[in-house]
């Protein structure tokens, strides 16, 4: 949502991070920068979800100070490798190098410091959103530079065929896959957040539109 007040309210409320959705949300780079700057003023990390294959937007988000990227539709090892190449500086990747954006404190850090910080602190989360992605989850998450995964259950339900396992079965399969156990598991909040953490999630993401609509609809009573 293109409203910096919401970002600031989340920070004041004590949330650990905010995930800004540029895949389904309207934010362009300028609006994104406003959100990033305000979150940074409160010491709240920001993750950004670009659209599918929007590696240039992801690179610009990192330049403006995002601490991580949540990339949609990472369906294969090739997708994961392309994502890592886009988000890492040479020689590991192909991301254009500059220290003068916000992430380099406007050129006041050395090139070596900036490179080391980007390498150490950039979190890369792959969204698994198809039955093929679930089947290949172990190989996708084994790609060097992929830190964790988030299953996109809406897309998973939209693309699965009648011959595929159910969304619940696919979700259970990837969570039980030993090859995925070392990756950071991010869950979409579906009710009891404590239960999600207790079941193995390290990160739980709330959908702000759902939270607000539940509150607004509750006002009708």
C-alpha atoms as a PDB file:
ATOM      1  CA  UNK A   1       0.000   0.000   0.000  1.00  0.00           C
ATOM      2  CA  UNK A   2       1.539   3.355  -1.017  1.00  0.00           C
ATOM      3  CA  UNK A   3       1.295   4.882   2.459  1.00  0.00           C
ATOM      4  CA  UNK A   4       4.389   5.564   4.537  1.00  0.00           C
ATOM      5  CA  UNK A   5       2.248   6.031   7.665  1.00  0.00           C
ATOM      6  CA  UNK A   6       1.439   2.330   7.630  1.00  0.00           C
ATOM      7  CA  UNK A   7       5.128   1.442   7.495  1.00  0.00           C
ATOM      8  CA  UNK A   8       5.834   3.764  10.417  1.00  0.00           C
ATOM      9  CA  UNK A   9       2.908   2.357  12.420  1.00  0.00           C
ATOM     10  CA  UNK A  10       4.217  -1.178  11.906  1.00  0.00           C
ATOM     11  CA  UNK A  11       7.642  -0.081  13.126  1.00  0.00           C
ATOM     12  CA  UNK A  12       6.223   1.691  16.184  1.00  0.00           C
ATOM     13  CA  UNK A  13       4.106  -1.392  16.918  1.00  0.00           C
ATOM     14  CA  UNK A  14       7.321  -3.399  17.169  1.00  0.00           C
ATOM     15  CA  UNK A  15       7.108  -5.645  14.116  1.00  0.00           C
ATOM     16  CA  UNK A  16      10.413  -7.293  13.195  1.00  0.00           C
ATOM     17  CA  UNK A  17      10.344  -6.323   9.517  1.00  0.00           C
ATOM     18  CA  UNK A  18       8.071  -5.209   6.711  1.00  0.00           C
ATOM     19  CA  UNK A  19       7.656  -6.917   3.344  1.00  0.00           C
ATOM     20  CA  UNK A  20       6.708  -4.467   0.602  1.00  0.00           C
ATOM     21  CA  UNK A  21       4.806  -6.118  -2.233  1.00  0.00           C
ATOM     22  CA  UNK A  22       5.648  -4.624  -5.613  1.00  0.00           C
ATOM     23  CA  UNK A  23       4.262  -7.639  -7.478  1.00  0.00           C
ATOM     24  CA  UNK A  24       0.608  -7.021  -6.631  1.00  0.00           C
ATOM     25  CA  UNK A  25       0.922  -3.600  -5.014  1.00  0.00           C
ATOM     26  CA  UNK A  26       1.177  -0.277  -6.903  1.00  0.00           C
ATOM     27  CA  UNK A  27       4.489   0.984  -5.480  1.00  0.00           C
ATOM     28  CA  UNK A  28       7.042   2.202  -8.007  1.00  0.00           C
ATOM     29  CA  UNK A  29      10.690   2.813  -7.117  1.00  0.00           C
ATOM     30  CA  UNK A  30      10.103   6.334  -5.780  1.00  0.00           C
ATOM     31  CA  UNK A  31       7.287   5.236  -3.459  1.00  0.00           C
ATOM     32  CA  UNK A  32       9.391   2.250  -2.469  1.00  0.00           C
ATOM     33  CA  UNK A  33      12.262   4.549  -1.543  1.00  0.00           C
ATOM     34  CA  UNK A  34       9.983   6.564   0.757  1.00  0.00           C
ATOM     35  CA  UNK A  35       8.944   3.387   2.535  1.00  0.00           C
ATOM     36  CA  UNK A  36      12.548   2.219   2.845  1.00  0.00           C
ATOM     37  CA  UNK A  37      13.816   5.524   4.225  1.00  0.00           C
ATOM     38  CA  UNK A  38      11.077   5.731   6.850  1.00  0.00           C
ATOM     39  CA  UNK A  39      11.509   2.120   7.930  1.00  0.00           C
ATOM     40  CA  UNK A  40      15.256   2.691   8.179  1.00  0.00           C
ATOM     41  CA  UNK A  41      14.694   5.695  10.434  1.00  0.00           C
ATOM     42  CA  UNK A  42      12.993   3.326  12.872  1.00  0.00           C
ATOM     43  CA  UNK A  43      15.591   0.584  12.456  1.00  0.00           C
ATOM     44  CA  UNK A  44      13.097  -1.788  10.837  1.00  0.00           C
ATOM     45  CA  UNK A  45      14.449  -4.022   8.043  1.00  0.00           C
ATOM     46  CA  UNK A  46      12.616  -4.117   4.723  1.00  0.00           C
ATOM     47  CA  UNK A  47      12.168  -7.004   2.322  1.00  0.00           C
ATOM     48  CA  UNK A  48      10.808  -6.327  -1.171  1.00  0.00           C
ATOM     49  CA  UNK A  49       8.827  -8.607  -3.453  1.00  0.00           C
ATOM     50  CA  UNK A  50       9.260  -7.558  -7.097  1.00  0.00           C
ATOM     51  CA  UNK A  51       7.217  -8.991  -9.934  1.00  0.00           C
ATOM     52  CA  UNK A  52       8.150 -12.209 -11.684  1.00  0.00           C
ATOM     53  CA  UNK A  53      11.561 -11.832 -13.343  1.00  0.00           C
ATOM     54  CA  UNK A  54      11.804  -8.145 -12.392  1.00  0.00           C
ATOM     55  CA  UNK A  55      15.466  -8.416 -11.510  1.00  0.00           C
ATOM     56  CA  UNK A  56      16.141  -4.776 -12.369  1.00  0.00           C
ATOM     57  CA  UNK A  57      13.524  -3.635  -9.845  1.00  0.00           C
ATOM     58  CA  UNK A  58      15.068  -5.981  -7.269  1.00  0.00           C
ATOM     59  CA  UNK A  59      18.505  -4.488  -7.902  1.00  0.00           C
ATOM     60  CA  UNK A  60      17.146  -0.964  -7.516  1.00  0.00           C
ATOM     61  CA  UNK A  61      15.385  -1.938  -4.298  1.00  0.00           C
ATOM     62  CA  UNK A  62      18.690  -3.186  -2.900  1.00  0.00           C
ATOM     63  CA  UNK A  63      20.422   0.023  -4.000  1.00  0.00           C
ATOM     64  CA  UNK A  64      17.808   1.990  -2.059  1.00  0.00           C
ATOM     65  CA  UNK A  65      18.483   0.015   1.099  1.00  0.00           C
ATOM     66  CA  UNK A  66      16.268  -3.080   1.094  1.00  0.00           C
ATOM     67  CA  UNK A  67      17.799  -5.866   3.153  1.00  0.00           C
ATOM     68  CA  UNK A  68      16.329  -8.662   1.106  1.00  0.00           C
ATOM     69  CA  UNK A  69      14.294  -9.843  -1.854  1.00  0.00           C
ATOM     70  CA  UNK A  70      11.345 -12.225  -1.842  1.00  0.00           C
ATOM     71  CA  UNK A  71      11.241 -13.414  -5.445  1.00  0.00           C
ATOM     72  CA  UNK A  72       8.021 -14.868  -6.876  1.00  0.00           C
ATOM     73  CA  UNK A  73       7.742 -17.862  -9.210  1.00  0.00           C
ATOM     74  CA  UNK A  74      11.126 -19.479  -8.656  1.00  0.00           C
ATOM     75  CA  UNK A  75      10.134 -22.734 -10.304  1.00  0.00           C
ATOM     76  CA  UNK A  76      13.475 -24.312 -11.153  1.00  0.00           C
ATOM     77  CA  UNK A  77      17.196 -24.407 -10.478  1.00  0.00           C
ATOM     78  CA  UNK A  78      17.692 -22.206 -13.535  1.00  0.00           C
ATOM     79  CA  UNK A  79      15.316 -19.596 -12.079  1.00  0.00           C
ATOM     80  CA  UNK A  80      17.148 -19.684  -8.750  1.00  0.00           C
ATOM     81  CA  UNK A  81      20.548 -19.342 -10.389  1.00  0.00           C
ATOM     82  CA  UNK A  82      19.375 -16.397 -12.497  1.00  0.00           C
ATOM     83  CA  UNK A  83      17.973 -14.720  -9.373  1.00  0.00           C
ATOM     84  CA  UNK A  84      21.229 -15.073  -7.455  1.00  0.00           C
ATOM     85  CA  UNK A  85      23.249 -13.766 -10.406  1.00  0.00           C
ATOM     86  CA  UNK A  86      21.023 -10.693 -10.592  1.00  0.00           C
ATOM     87  CA  UNK A  87      21.286  -9.879  -6.883  1.00  0.00           C
ATOM     88  CA  UNK A  88      24.998 -10.471  -6.311  1.00  0.00           C
ATOM     89  CA  UNK A  89      27.914  -8.290  -7.325  1.00  0.00           C
ATOM     90  CA  UNK A  90      30.637  -9.589  -9.661  1.00  0.00           C
ATOM     91  CA  UNK A  91      32.320 -11.986  -9.802  1.00  0.00           C
ATOM     92  CA  UNK A  92      29.511 -13.960  -8.155  1.00  0.00           C
ATOM     93  CA  UNK A  93      26.779 -12.171 -10.088  1.00  0.00           C
ATOM     94  CA  UNK A  94      26.026  -9.387 -12.536  1.00  0.00           C
ATOM     95  CA  UNK A  95      24.463  -6.700 -10.343  1.00  0.00           C
ATOM     96  CA  UNK A  96      25.716  -3.235 -11.292  1.00  0.00           C
ATOM     97  CA  UNK A  97      28.074  -1.850  -8.668  1.00  0.00           C
ATOM     98  CA  UNK A  98      27.781   1.601  -7.084  1.00  0.00           C
ATOM     99  CA  UNK A  99      28.342   2.973  -3.593  1.00  0.00           C
ATOM    100  CA  UNK A 100      26.524   6.302  -3.969  1.00  0.00           C
ATOM    101  CA  UNK A 101      22.877   5.130  -3.539  1.00  0.00           C
ATOM    102  CA  UNK A 102      21.339   4.856  -0.056  1.00  0.00           C
ATOM    103  CA  UNK A 103      22.723   1.340   0.462  1.00  0.00           C
ATOM    104  CA  UNK A 104      26.257   2.737   0.176  1.00  0.00           C
ATOM    105  CA  UNK A 105      25.454   5.680   2.425  1.00  0.00           C
ATOM    106  CA  UNK A 106      25.741   7.991  -0.548  1.00  0.00           C
ATOM    107  CA  UNK A 107      29.323   7.057  -1.296  1.00  0.00           C
ATOM    108  CA  UNK A 108      30.680   7.462   2.232  1.00  0.00           C
ATOM    109  CA  UNK A 109      31.673   3.792   2.592  1.00  0.00           C
ATOM    110  CA  UNK A 110      34.499   2.159   0.703  1.00  0.00           C
ATOM    111  CA  UNK A 111      33.824  -0.155  -2.202  1.00  0.00           C
ATOM    112  CA  UNK A 112      35.171  -3.077  -0.174  1.00  0.00           C
ATOM    113  CA  UNK A 113      32.901  -2.295   2.785  1.00  0.00           C
ATOM    114  CA  UNK A 114      29.875  -1.933   0.545  1.00  0.00           C
ATOM    115  CA  UNK A 115      30.582  -5.197  -1.240  1.00  0.00           C
ATOM    116  CA  UNK A 116      31.083  -7.062   2.059  1.00  0.00           C
ATOM    117  CA  UNK A 117      27.891  -5.654   3.558  1.00  0.00           C
ATOM    118  CA  UNK A 118      25.835  -6.564   0.500  1.00  0.00           C
ATOM    119  CA  UNK A 119      27.222 -10.090   0.481  1.00  0.00           C
ATOM    120  CA  UNK A 120      26.624 -10.649   4.184  1.00  0.00           C
ATOM    121  CA  UNK A 121      23.254  -8.976   4.688  1.00  0.00           C
ATOM    122  CA  UNK A 122      21.236  -9.525   1.508  1.00  0.00           C
ATOM    123  CA  UNK A 123      18.529 -12.080   2.249  1.00  0.00           C
ATOM    124  CA  UNK A 124      17.170 -13.973  -0.770  1.00  0.00           C
ATOM    125  CA  UNK A 125      13.878 -15.825  -0.358  1.00  0.00           C
ATOM    126  CA  UNK A 126      12.522 -17.936  -3.226  1.00  0.00           C
ATOM    127  CA  UNK A 127       8.766 -18.205  -3.587  1.00  0.00           C
ATOM    128  CA  UNK A 128       7.689 -21.712  -4.576  1.00  0.00           C
ATOM    129  CA  UNK A 129       4.392 -21.334  -6.388  1.00  0.00           C
ATOM    130  CA  UNK A 130       3.858 -24.384  -8.593  1.00  0.00           C
ATOM    131  CA  UNK A 131       3.809 -28.166  -8.184  1.00  0.00           C
ATOM    132  CA  UNK A 132       7.064 -28.289 -10.191  1.00  0.00           C
ATOM    133  CA  UNK A 133       8.705 -25.886  -7.737  1.00  0.00           C
ATOM    134  CA  UNK A 134       7.574 -28.041  -4.806  1.00  0.00           C
ATOM    135  CA  UNK A 135       8.917 -31.205  -6.466  1.00  0.00           C
ATOM    136  CA  UNK A 136      12.285 -29.533  -7.135  1.00  0.00           C
ATOM    137  CA  UNK A 137      12.419 -27.609  -3.846  1.00  0.00           C
ATOM    138  CA  UNK A 138      15.502 -29.410  -2.588  1.00  0.00           C
ATOM    139  CA  UNK A 139      17.526 -28.579  -5.696  1.00  0.00           C
ATOM    140  CA  UNK A 140      16.209 -25.003  -5.861  1.00  0.00           C
ATOM    141  CA  UNK A 141      17.075 -24.312  -2.219  1.00  0.00           C
ATOM    142  CA  UNK A 142      20.501 -25.908  -2.637  1.00  0.00           C
ATOM    143  CA  UNK A 143      21.508 -23.154  -5.082  1.00  0.00           C
ATOM    144  CA  UNK A 144      24.248 -21.119  -3.408  1.00  0.00           C
ATOM    145  CA  UNK A 145      22.775 -17.728  -2.519  1.00  0.00           C
ATOM    146  CA  UNK A 146      19.191 -18.846  -1.903  1.00  0.00           C
ATOM    147  CA  UNK A 147      18.567 -18.434   1.815  1.00  0.00           C
ATOM    148  CA  UNK A 148      15.010 -19.640   2.247  1.00  0.00           C
ATOM    149  CA  UNK A 149      11.566 -20.186   0.802  1.00  0.00           C
ATOM    150  CA  UNK A 150       7.978 -19.020   1.020  1.00  0.00           C
ATOM    151  CA  UNK A 151       5.225 -21.116  -0.529  1.00  0.00           C
ATOM    152  CA  UNK A 152       2.774 -18.960  -2.471  1.00  0.00           C
ATOM    153  CA  UNK A 153      -0.389 -20.903  -1.757  1.00  0.00           C
ATOM    154  CA  UNK A 154      -2.676 -18.695  -3.876  1.00  0.00           C
ATOM    155  CA  UNK A 155      -0.662 -19.230  -7.046  1.00  0.00           C
ATOM    156  CA  UNK A 156      -0.100 -22.854  -6.141  1.00  0.00           C
ATOM    157  CA  UNK A 157      -3.843 -23.375  -5.975  1.00  0.00           C
ATOM    158  CA  UNK A 158      -4.391 -21.471  -9.209  1.00  0.00           C
ATOM    159  CA  UNK A 159      -1.893 -23.446 -11.308  1.00  0.00           C
ATOM    160  CA  UNK A 160      -2.255 -26.979  -9.939  1.00  0.00           C
ATOM    161  CA  UNK A 161      -4.223 -29.415 -12.063  1.00  0.00           C
ATOM    162  CA  UNK A 162      -6.771 -31.940 -10.921  1.00  0.00           C
ATOM    163  CA  UNK A 163      -4.051 -34.601 -11.158  1.00  0.00           C
ATOM    164  CA  UNK A 164      -1.730 -32.770  -8.752  1.00  0.00           C
ATOM    165  CA  UNK A 165      -1.790 -33.194  -4.975  1.00  0.00           C
ATOM    166  CA  UNK A 166      -3.857 -30.681  -3.046  1.00  0.00           C
ATOM    167  CA  UNK A 167      -2.335 -27.411  -1.864  1.00  0.00           C
ATOM    168  CA  UNK A 168      -2.270 -28.757   1.694  1.00  0.00           C
ATOM    169  CA  UNK A 169      -0.463 -31.899   0.533  1.00  0.00           C
ATOM    170  CA  UNK A 170       2.064 -29.893  -1.494  1.00  0.00           C
ATOM    171  CA  UNK A 171       2.672 -27.581   1.451  1.00  0.00           C
ATOM    172  CA  UNK A 172       3.194 -30.534   3.771  1.00  0.00           C
ATOM    173  CA  UNK A 173       5.535 -32.174   1.270  1.00  0.00           C
ATOM    174  CA  UNK A 174       7.975 -29.285   1.052  1.00  0.00           C
ATOM    175  CA  UNK A 175       7.940 -28.753   4.812  1.00  0.00           C
ATOM    176  CA  UNK A 176       8.767 -32.421   5.351  1.00  0.00           C
ATOM    177  CA  UNK A 177      11.451 -32.527   2.647  1.00  0.00           C
ATOM    178  CA  UNK A 178      14.834 -33.097   4.371  1.00  0.00           C
ATOM    179  CA  UNK A 179      16.518 -31.225   1.512  1.00  0.00           C
ATOM    180  CA  UNK A 180      14.620 -28.068   2.515  1.00  0.00           C
ATOM    181  CA  UNK A 181      15.322 -28.359   6.235  1.00  0.00           C
ATOM    182  CA  UNK A 182      18.427 -26.147   6.215  1.00  0.00           C
ATOM    183  CA  UNK A 183      16.667 -23.269   4.419  1.00  0.00           C
ATOM    184  CA  UNK A 184      14.833 -20.477   6.213  1.00  0.00           C
ATOM    185  CA  UNK A 185      11.145 -21.367   6.221  1.00  0.00           C
ATOM    186  CA  UNK A 186       8.759 -18.439   5.769  1.00  0.00           C
ATOM    187  CA  UNK A 187       5.048 -19.038   6.301  1.00  0.00           C
ATOM    188  CA  UNK A 188       2.046 -16.948   5.353  1.00  0.00           C
ATOM    189  CA  UNK A 189       0.016 -16.260   8.483  1.00  0.00           C
ATOM    190  CA  UNK A 190      -3.253 -18.184   8.444  1.00  0.00           C
ATOM    191  CA  UNK A 191      -4.353 -17.736  12.034  1.00  0.00           C
ATOM    192  CA  UNK A 192      -2.270 -18.701  15.046  1.00  0.00           C
ATOM    193  CA  UNK A 193       1.176 -17.169  14.541  1.00  0.00           C
ATOM    194  CA  UNK A 194       2.597 -19.002  17.562  1.00  0.00           C
ATOM    195  CA  UNK A 195       1.494 -22.292  16.031  1.00  0.00           C
ATOM    196  CA  UNK A 196       3.354 -21.469  12.808  1.00  0.00           C
ATOM    197  CA  UNK A 197       6.558 -20.819  14.728  1.00  0.00           C
ATOM    198  CA  UNK A 198       5.981 -23.943  16.777  1.00  0.00           C
ATOM    199  CA  UNK A 199       5.584 -25.969  13.579  1.00  0.00           C
ATOM    200  CA  UNK A 200       8.975 -24.897  12.250  1.00  0.00           C
ATOM    201  CA  UNK A 201       8.600 -21.484  10.597  1.00  0.00           C
ATOM    202  CA  UNK A 202      11.390 -18.981  11.222  1.00  0.00           C
ATOM    203  CA  UNK A 203       9.502 -16.097   9.575  1.00  0.00           C
ATOM    204  CA  UNK A 204       5.753 -15.452   9.489  1.00  0.00           C
ATOM    205  CA  UNK A 205       4.298 -12.938   7.035  1.00  0.00           C
ATOM    206  CA  UNK A 206       0.933 -11.249   7.609  1.00  0.00           C
ATOM    207  CA  UNK A 207      -1.142  -9.935   4.724  1.00  0.00           C
ATOM    208  CA  UNK A 208      -1.867  -6.333   5.698  1.00  0.00           C
ATOM    209  CA  UNK A 209      -4.903  -6.066   3.430  1.00  0.00           C
ATOM    210  CA  UNK A 210      -6.456  -9.052   5.209  1.00  0.00           C
ATOM    211  CA  UNK A 211      -5.625  -7.634   8.642  1.00  0.00           C
ATOM    212  CA  UNK A 212      -7.134  -4.247   7.821  1.00  0.00           C
ATOM    213  CA  UNK A 213     -10.232  -5.642   6.121  1.00  0.00           C
ATOM    214  CA  UNK A 214     -10.978  -7.886   9.089  1.00  0.00           C
ATOM    215  CA  UNK A 215     -10.704  -4.847  11.369  1.00  0.00           C
ATOM    216  CA  UNK A 216     -12.814  -2.653   9.098  1.00  0.00           C
ATOM    217  CA  UNK A 217     -15.527  -5.259   8.644  1.00  0.00           C
ATOM    218  CA  UNK A 218     -15.570  -5.760  12.387  1.00  0.00           C
ATOM    219  CA  UNK A 219     -16.501  -2.098  12.792  1.00  0.00           C
ATOM    220  CA  UNK A 220     -19.891  -2.784  11.149  1.00  0.00           C
ATOM    221  CA  UNK A 221     -21.005  -4.621  14.278  1.00  0.00           C
END
